[in-house]
Amino acid sequence: MRLAATWTPNPNHPATWGGFFWALLGIAGCLIAVVGAALTVTLWRVSDQKKWGNYVLGPVILAIGLVIAGRGFGLW
């Protein structure tokens, strides 16, 4: 019965919160990317005077979100 209560960590899978927080970072990056895509479409449809910031802001936020998501999900 004593062996049932012991816990031996697997050296190939350390019990840390690192994987959870990386996945959380990846999900946050996906949300930022979706906001950037929605902002891009919304700012392109604005009918008043368009400035260069309307064309740049959305894609920049989209790119930042994609980089954060890529880092969070382990692509880099």
PDB file of N, CA and C in Angstrom:
ATOM      1  N   MET A   1       0.798  -1.192   0.000  1.00  0.00           N
ATOM      2  CA  MET A   1       0.000   0.000   0.000  1.00  0.00           C
ATOM      3  C   MET A   1       0.847   1.265   0.000  1.00  0.00           C
ATOM      4  N   ARG A   2       2.037   1.196   0.473  1.00  0.00           N
ATOM      5  CA  ARG A   2       2.860   2.391   0.489  1.00  0.00           C
ATOM      6  C   ARG A   2       3.249   2.817  -0.925  1.00  0.00           C
ATOM      7  N   LEU A   3       3.466   1.885  -1.794  1.00  0.00           N
ATOM      8  CA  LEU A   3       3.870   2.233  -3.148  1.00  0.00           C
ATOM      9  C   LEU A   3       2.766   2.956  -3.905  1.00  0.00           C
ATOM     10  N   ALA A   4       1.536   2.719  -3.564  1.00  0.00           N
ATOM     11  CA  ALA A   4       0.432   3.393  -4.233  1.00  0.00           C
ATOM     12  C   ALA A   4       0.403   4.879  -3.897  1.00  0.00           C
ATOM     13  N   ALA A   5       0.965   5.254  -2.771  1.00  0.00           N
ATOM     14  CA  ALA A   5       0.925   6.651  -2.357  1.00  0.00           C
ATOM     15  C   ALA A   5       2.164   7.422  -2.786  1.00  0.00           C
ATOM     16  N   THR A   6       3.159   6.763  -3.316  1.00  0.00           N
ATOM     17  CA  THR A   6       4.364   7.476  -3.726  1.00  0.00           C
ATOM     18  C   THR A   6       4.213   7.989  -5.149  1.00  0.00           C
ATOM     19  N   TRP A   7       4.927   9.048  -5.422  1.00  0.00           N
ATOM     20  CA  TRP A   7       4.870   9.654  -6.751  1.00  0.00           C
ATOM     21  C   TRP A   7       6.296   9.840  -7.237  1.00  0.00           C
ATOM     22  N   THR A   8       6.585   9.320  -8.402  1.00  0.00           N
ATOM     23  CA  THR A   8       7.909   9.449  -8.990  1.00  0.00           C
ATOM     24  C   THR A   8       7.783  10.282 -10.257  1.00  0.00           C
ATOM     25  N   PRO A   9       8.430  11.440 -10.296  1.00  0.00           N
ATOM     26  CA  PRO A   9       8.318  12.275 -11.488  1.00  0.00           C
ATOM     27  C   PRO A   9       9.027  11.649 -12.683  1.00  0.00           C
ATOM     28  N   ASN A  10       8.462  11.841 -13.832  1.00  0.00           N
ATOM     29  CA  ASN A  10       9.054  11.355 -15.073  1.00  0.00           C
ATOM     30  C   ASN A  10      10.081  12.387 -15.536  1.00  0.00           C
ATOM     31  N   PRO A  11      11.337  12.038 -15.713  1.00  0.00           N
ATOM     32  CA  PRO A  11      12.336  13.029 -16.128  1.00  0.00           C
ATOM     33  C   PRO A  11      12.092  13.567 -17.538  1.00  0.00           C
ATOM     34  N   ASN A  12      11.346  12.850 -18.362  1.00  0.00           N
ATOM     35  CA  ASN A  12      11.057  13.332 -19.711  1.00  0.00           C
ATOM     36  C   ASN A  12       9.897  14.321 -19.738  1.00  0.00           C
ATOM     37  N   HIS A  13       9.089  14.329 -18.703  1.00  0.00           N
ATOM     38  CA  HIS A  13       7.949  15.241 -18.614  1.00  0.00           C
ATOM     39  C   HIS A  13       7.950  15.906 -17.243  1.00  0.00           C
ATOM     40  N   PRO A  14       8.718  16.976 -17.073  1.00  0.00           N
ATOM     41  CA  PRO A  14       8.776  17.611 -15.759  1.00  0.00           C
ATOM     42  C   PRO A  14       7.427  18.241 -15.400  1.00  0.00           C
ATOM     43  N   ALA A  15       7.086  18.151 -14.136  1.00  0.00           N
ATOM     44  CA  ALA A  15       5.812  18.694 -13.655  1.00  0.00           C
ATOM     45  C   ALA A  15       5.982  20.179 -13.359  1.00  0.00           C
ATOM     46  N   THR A  16       5.862  20.993 -14.363  1.00  0.00           N
ATOM     47  CA  THR A  16       5.975  22.438 -14.191  1.00  0.00           C
ATOM     48  C   THR A  16       4.772  23.112 -14.827  1.00  0.00           C
ATOM     49  N   TRP A  17       4.634  24.386 -14.538  1.00  0.00           N
ATOM     50  CA  TRP A  17       3.556  25.172 -15.126  1.00  0.00           C
ATOM     51  C   TRP A  17       3.969  25.774 -16.461  1.00  0.00           C
ATOM     52  N   GLY A  18       5.169  25.493 -16.914  1.00  0.00           N
ATOM     53  CA  GLY A  18       5.675  26.110 -18.138  1.00  0.00           C
ATOM     54  C   GLY A  18       4.818  25.849 -19.355  1.00  0.00           C
ATOM     55  N   GLY A  19       4.421  24.607 -19.562  1.00  0.00           N
ATOM     56  CA  GLY A  19       3.599  24.283 -20.723  1.00  0.00           C
ATOM     57  C   GLY A  19       2.260  24.988 -20.708  1.00  0.00           C
ATOM     58  N   PHE A  20       1.672  25.093 -19.522  1.00  0.00           N
ATOM     59  CA  PHE A  20       0.385  25.777 -19.407  1.00  0.00           C
ATOM     60  C   PHE A  20       0.511  27.247 -19.768  1.00  0.00           C
ATOM     61  N   PHE A  21       1.541  27.906 -19.258  1.00  0.00           N
ATOM     62  CA  PHE A  21       1.690  29.332 -19.527  1.00  0.00           C
ATOM     63  C   PHE A  21       2.079  29.605 -20.979  1.00  0.00           C
ATOM     64  N   TRP A  22       2.835  28.696 -21.603  1.00  0.00           N
ATOM     65  CA  TRP A  22       3.133  28.865 -23.026  1.00  0.00           C
ATOM     66  C   TRP A  22       1.860  28.732 -23.855  1.00  0.00           C
ATOM     67  N   ALA A  23       1.002  27.766 -23.503  1.00  0.00           N
ATOM     68  CA  ALA A  23      -0.271  27.611 -24.213  1.00  0.00           C
ATOM     69  C   ALA A  23      -1.164  28.822 -23.985  1.00  0.00           C
ATOM     70  N   LEU A  24      -1.151  29.350 -22.771  1.00  0.00           N
ATOM     71  CA  LEU A  24      -1.925  30.552 -22.479  1.00  0.00           C
ATOM     72  C   LEU A  24      -1.418  31.735 -23.297  1.00  0.00           C
ATOM     73  N   LEU A  25      -0.112  31.844 -23.449  1.00  0.00           N
ATOM     74  CA  LEU A  25       0.465  32.893 -24.284  1.00  0.00           C
ATOM     75  C   LEU A  25       0.060  32.706 -25.743  1.00  0.00           C
ATOM     76  N   GLY A  26       0.028  31.464 -26.213  1.00  0.00           N
ATOM     77  CA  GLY A  26      -0.399  31.192 -27.582  1.00  0.00           C
ATOM     78  C   GLY A  26      -1.847  31.573 -27.815  1.00  0.00           C
ATOM     79  N   ILE A  27      -2.710  31.278 -26.863  1.00  0.00           N
ATOM     80  CA  ILE A  27      -4.124  31.642 -26.995  1.00  0.00           C
ATOM     81  C   ILE A  27      -4.282  33.154 -26.971  1.00  0.00           C
ATOM     82  N   ALA A  28      -3.544  33.836 -26.104  1.00  0.00           N
ATOM     83  CA  ALA A  28      -3.597  35.299 -26.070  1.00  0.00           C
ATOM     84  C   ALA A  28      -3.107  35.885 -27.389  1.00  0.00           C
ATOM     85  N   GLY A  29      -2.076  35.300 -27.976  1.00  0.00           N
ATOM     86  CA  GLY A  29      -1.594  35.761 -29.275  1.00  0.00           C
ATOM     87  C   GLY A  29      -2.631  35.576 -30.363  1.00  0.00           C
ATOM     88  N   CYS A  30      -3.361  34.465 -30.314  1.00  0.00           N
ATOM     89  CA  CYS A  30      -4.439  34.249 -31.291  1.00  0.00           C
ATOM     90  C   CYS A  30      -5.527  35.303 -31.140  1.00  0.00           C
ATOM     91  N   LEU A  31      -5.872  35.632 -29.906  1.00  0.00           N
ATOM     92  CA  LEU A  31      -6.885  36.666 -29.682  1.00  0.00           C
ATOM     93  C   LEU A  31      -6.408  38.025 -30.186  1.00  0.00           C
ATOM     94  N   ILE A  32      -5.151  38.344 -29.955  1.00  0.00           N
ATOM     95  CA  ILE A  32      -4.597  39.607 -30.453  1.00  0.00           C
ATOM     96  C   ILE A  32      -4.602  39.617 -31.978  1.00  0.00           C
ATOM     97  N   ALA A  33      -4.291  38.489 -32.604  1.00  0.00           N
ATOM     98  CA  ALA A  33      -4.302  38.405 -34.065  1.00  0.00           C
ATOM     99  C   ALA A  33      -5.708  38.588 -34.619  1.00  0.00           C
ATOM    100  N   VAL A  34      -6.707  38.019 -33.959  1.00  0.00           N
ATOM    101  CA  VAL A  34      -8.098  38.196 -34.409  1.00  0.00           C
ATOM    102  C   VAL A  34      -8.516  39.653 -34.268  1.00  0.00           C
ATOM    103  N   VAL A  35      -8.123  40.293 -33.178  1.00  0.00           N
ATOM    104  CA  VAL A  35      -8.429  41.715 -33.009  1.00  0.00           C
ATOM    105  C   VAL A  35      -7.740  42.536 -34.095  1.00  0.00           C
ATOM    106  N   GLY A  36      -6.505  42.205 -34.424  1.00  0.00           N
ATOM    107  CA  GLY A  36      -5.795  42.915 -35.492  1.00  0.00           C
ATOM    108  C   GLY A  36      -6.457  42.734 -36.842  1.00  0.00           C
ATOM    109  N   ALA A  37      -6.941  41.525 -37.135  1.00  0.00           N
ATOM    110  CA  ALA A  37      -7.633  41.287 -38.408  1.00  0.00           C
ATOM    111  C   ALA A  37      -8.947  42.054 -38.461  1.00  0.00           C
ATOM    112  N   ALA A  38      -9.701  42.041 -37.355  1.00  0.00           N
ATOM    113  CA  ALA A  38     -10.962  42.782 -37.317  1.00  0.00           C
ATOM    114  C   ALA A  38     -10.717  44.281 -37.425  1.00  0.00           C
ATOM    115  N   LEU A  39      -9.666  44.760 -36.788  1.00  0.00           N
ATOM    116  CA  LEU A  39      -9.332  46.182 -36.863  1.00  0.00           C
ATOM    117  C   LEU A  39      -8.921  46.573 -38.275  1.00  0.00           C
ATOM    118  N   THR A  40      -8.204  45.697 -38.955  1.00  0.00           N
ATOM    119  CA  THR A  40      -7.813  45.962 -40.338  1.00  0.00           C
ATOM    120  C   THR A  40      -9.033  46.122 -41.228  1.00  0.00           C
ATOM    121  N   VAL A  41      -9.962  45.194 -41.139  1.00  0.00           N
ATOM    122  CA  VAL A  41     -11.170  45.255 -41.970  1.00  0.00           C
ATOM    123  C   VAL A  41     -12.007  46.472 -41.609  1.00  0.00           C
ATOM    124  N   THR A  42     -12.138  46.754 -40.322  1.00  0.00           N
ATOM    125  CA  THR A  42     -12.949  47.891 -39.880  1.00  0.00           C
ATOM    126  C   THR A  42     -12.355  49.212 -40.346  1.00  0.00           C
ATOM    127  N   LEU A  43     -11.050  49.372 -40.218  1.00  0.00           N
ATOM    128  CA  LEU A  43     -10.434  50.637 -40.617  1.00  0.00           C
ATOM    129  C   LEU A  43     -10.403  50.808 -42.128  1.00  0.00           C
ATOM    130  N   TRP A  44     -10.373  49.715 -42.888  1.00  0.00           N
ATOM    131  CA  TRP A  44     -10.424  49.843 -44.341  1.00  0.00           C
ATOM    132  C   TRP A  44     -11.802  50.261 -44.822  1.00  0.00           C
ATOM    133  N   ARG A  45     -12.838  49.952 -44.046  1.00  0.00           N
ATOM    134  CA  ARG A  45     -14.201  50.287 -44.453  1.00  0.00           C
ATOM    135  C   ARG A  45     -14.646  51.671 -44.011  1.00  0.00           C
ATOM    136  N   VAL A  46     -13.822  52.382 -43.275  1.00  0.00           N
ATOM    137  CA  VAL A  46     -14.175  53.730 -42.831  1.00  0.00           C
ATOM    138  C   VAL A  46     -14.258  54.631 -44.055  1.00  0.00           C
ATOM    139  N   SER A  47     -15.360  55.387 -44.146  1.00  0.00           N
ATOM    140  CA  SER A  47     -15.577  56.175 -45.364  1.00  0.00           C
ATOM    141  C   SER A  47     -15.035  57.599 -45.273  1.00  0.00           C
ATOM    142  N   ASP A  48     -14.650  58.064 -44.089  1.00  0.00           N
ATOM    143  CA  ASP A  48     -14.127  59.430 -44.012  1.00  0.00           C
ATOM    144  C   ASP A  48     -12.663  59.464 -44.443  1.00  0.00           C
ATOM    145  N   GLN A  49     -11.997  60.555 -44.174  1.00  0.00           N
ATOM    146  CA  GLN A  49     -10.627  60.733 -44.662  1.00  0.00           C
ATOM    147  C   GLN A  49      -9.711  59.656 -44.087  1.00  0.00           C
ATOM    148  N   LYS A  50      -9.048  58.974 -44.983  1.00  0.00           N
ATOM    149  CA  LYS A  50      -8.145  57.909 -44.551  1.00  0.00           C
ATOM    150  C   LYS A  50      -6.719  58.434 -44.487  1.00  0.00           C
ATOM    151  N   LYS A  51      -6.048  58.097 -43.419  1.00  0.00           N
ATOM    152  CA  LYS A  51      -4.651  58.458 -43.256  1.00  0.00           C
ATOM    153  C   LYS A  51      -3.829  57.181 -43.295  1.00  0.00           C
ATOM    154  N   TRP A  52      -2.534  57.323 -43.329  1.00  0.00           N
ATOM    155  CA  TRP A  52      -1.687  56.140 -43.443  1.00  0.00           C
ATOM    156  C   TRP A  52      -1.797  55.255 -42.211  1.00  0.00           C
ATOM    157  N   GLY A  53      -2.146  55.830 -41.065  1.00  0.00           N
ATOM    158  CA  GLY A  53      -2.301  55.038 -39.849  1.00  0.00           C
ATOM    159  C   GLY A  53      -3.445  54.051 -39.927  1.00  0.00           C
ATOM    160  N   ASN A  54      -4.478  54.390 -40.709  1.00  0.00           N
ATOM    161  CA  ASN A  54      -5.603  53.465 -40.879  1.00  0.00           C
ATOM    162  C   ASN A  54      -5.180  52.210 -41.628  1.00  0.00           C
ATOM    163  N   TYR A  55      -4.197  52.325 -42.488  1.00  0.00           N
ATOM    164  CA  TYR A  55      -3.740  51.174 -43.263  1.00  0.00           C
ATOM    165  C   TYR A  55      -2.663  50.365 -42.536  1.00  0.00           C
ATOM    166  N   VAL A  56      -2.015  50.964 -41.548  1.00  0.00           N
ATOM    167  CA  VAL A  56      -0.876  50.320 -40.895  1.00  0.00           C
ATOM    168  C   VAL A  56      -1.240  49.697 -39.545  1.00  0.00           C
ATOM    169  N   LEU A  57      -2.124  50.316 -38.803  1.00  0.00           N
ATOM    170  CA  LEU A  57      -2.393  49.899 -37.430  1.00  0.00           C
ATOM    171  C   LEU A  57      -2.911  48.463 -37.333  1.00  0.00           C
ATOM    172  N   GLY A  58      -3.896  48.113 -38.125  1.00  0.00           N
ATOM    173  CA  GLY A  58      -4.463  46.765 -38.067  1.00  0.00           C
ATOM    174  C   GLY A  58      -3.470  45.670 -38.419  1.00  0.00           C
ATOM    175  N   PRO A  59      -2.763  45.781 -39.555  1.00  0.00           N
ATOM    176  CA  PRO A  59      -1.783  44.737 -39.881  1.00  0.00           C
ATOM    177  C   PRO A  59      -0.632  44.628 -38.885  1.00  0.00           C
ATOM    178  N   VAL A  60      -0.241  45.740 -38.266  1.00  0.00           N
ATOM    179  CA  VAL A  60       0.828  45.677 -37.265  1.00  0.00           C
ATOM    180  C   VAL A  60       0.357  44.886 -36.044  1.00  0.00           C
ATOM    181  N   ILE A  61      -0.870  45.155 -35.586  1.00  0.00           N
ATOM    182  CA  ILE A  61      -1.407  44.398 -34.453  1.00  0.00           C
ATOM    183  C   ILE A  61      -1.587  42.934 -34.832  1.00  0.00           C
ATOM    184  N   LEU A  62      -2.006  42.673 -36.059  1.00  0.00           N
ATOM    185  CA  LEU A  62      -2.134  41.298 -36.542  1.00  0.00           C
ATOM    186  C   LEU A  62      -0.782  40.585 -36.520  1.00  0.00           C
ATOM    187  N   ALA A  63       0.256  41.252 -37.000  1.00  0.00           N
ATOM    188  CA  ALA A  63       1.592  40.646 -37.021  1.00  0.00           C
ATOM    189  C   ALA A  63       2.114  40.398 -35.607  1.00  0.00           C
ATOM    190  N   ILE A  64       1.878  41.337 -34.701  1.00  0.00           N
ATOM    191  CA  ILE A  64       2.303  41.153 -33.311  1.00  0.00           C
ATOM    192  C   ILE A  64       1.590  39.950 -32.697  1.00  0.00           C
ATOM    193  N   GLY A  65       0.292  39.833 -32.962  1.00  0.00           N
ATOM    194  CA  GLY A  65      -0.457  38.687 -32.448  1.00  0.00           C
ATOM    195  C   GLY A  65       0.037  37.369 -33.004  1.00  0.00           C
ATOM    196  N   LEU A  66       0.389  37.345 -34.287  1.00  0.00           N
ATOM    197  CA  LEU A  66       0.896  36.110 -34.888  1.00  0.00           C
ATOM    198  C   LEU A  66       2.250  35.713 -34.312  1.00  0.00           C
ATOM    199  N   VAL A  67       3.093  36.699 -34.050  1.00  0.00           N
ATOM    200  CA  VAL A  67       4.404  36.403 -33.452  1.00  0.00           C
ATOM    201  C   VAL A  67       4.234  35.872 -32.029  1.00  0.00           C
ATOM    202  N   ILE A  68       3.350  36.498 -31.259  1.00  0.00           N
ATOM    203  CA  ILE A  68       3.112  36.032 -29.891  1.00  0.00           C
ATOM    204  C   ILE A  68       2.527  34.624 -29.900  1.00  0.00           C
ATOM    205  N   ALA A  69       1.573  34.369 -30.798  1.00  0.00           N
ATOM    206  CA  ALA A  69       0.973  33.033 -30.886  1.00  0.00           C
ATOM    207  C   ALA A  69       2.005  32.002 -31.332  1.00  0.00           C
ATOM    208  N   GLY A  70       2.845  32.356 -32.280  1.00  0.00           N
ATOM    209  CA  GLY A  70       3.882  31.432 -32.731  1.00  0.00           C
ATOM    210  C   GLY A  70       4.867  31.097 -31.634  1.00  0.00           C
ATOM    211  N   ARG A  71       5.228  32.085 -30.847  1.00  0.00           N
ATOM    212  CA  ARG A  71       6.149  31.840 -29.730  1.00  0.00           C
ATOM    213  C   ARG A  71       5.468  31.006 -28.645  1.00  0.00           C
ATOM    214  N   GLY A  72       4.206  31.307 -28.397  1.00  0.00           N
ATOM    215  CA  GLY A  72       3.492  30.581 -27.355  1.00  0.00           C
ATOM    216  C   GLY A  72       3.270  29.121 -27.690  1.00  0.00           C
ATOM    217  N   PHE A  73       3.025  28.815 -28.954  1.00  0.00           N
ATOM    218  CA  PHE A  73       2.788  27.434 -29.361  1.00  0.00           C
ATOM    219  C   PHE A  73       4.069  26.717 -29.781  1.00  0.00           C
ATOM    220  N   GLY A  74       5.210  27.366 -29.627  1.00  0.00           N
ATOM    221  CA  GLY A  74       6.496  26.697 -29.815  1.00  0.00           C
ATOM    222  C   GLY A  74       6.992  26.638 -31.243  1.00  0.00           C
ATOM    223  N   LEU A  75       6.575  27.552 -32.091  1.00  0.00           N
ATOM    224  CA  LEU A  75       7.083  27.558 -33.463  1.00  0.00           C
ATOM    225  C   LEU A  75       8.486  28.150 -33.542  1.00  0.00           C
ATOM    226  N   TRP A  76       8.847  29.013 -32.582  1.00  0.00           N
ATOM    227  CA  TRP A  76      10.181  29.609 -32.549  1.00  0.00           C
ATOM    228  C   TRP A  76      10.813  29.351 -31.219  1.00  0.00           C
TER     229      TRP A  76
END
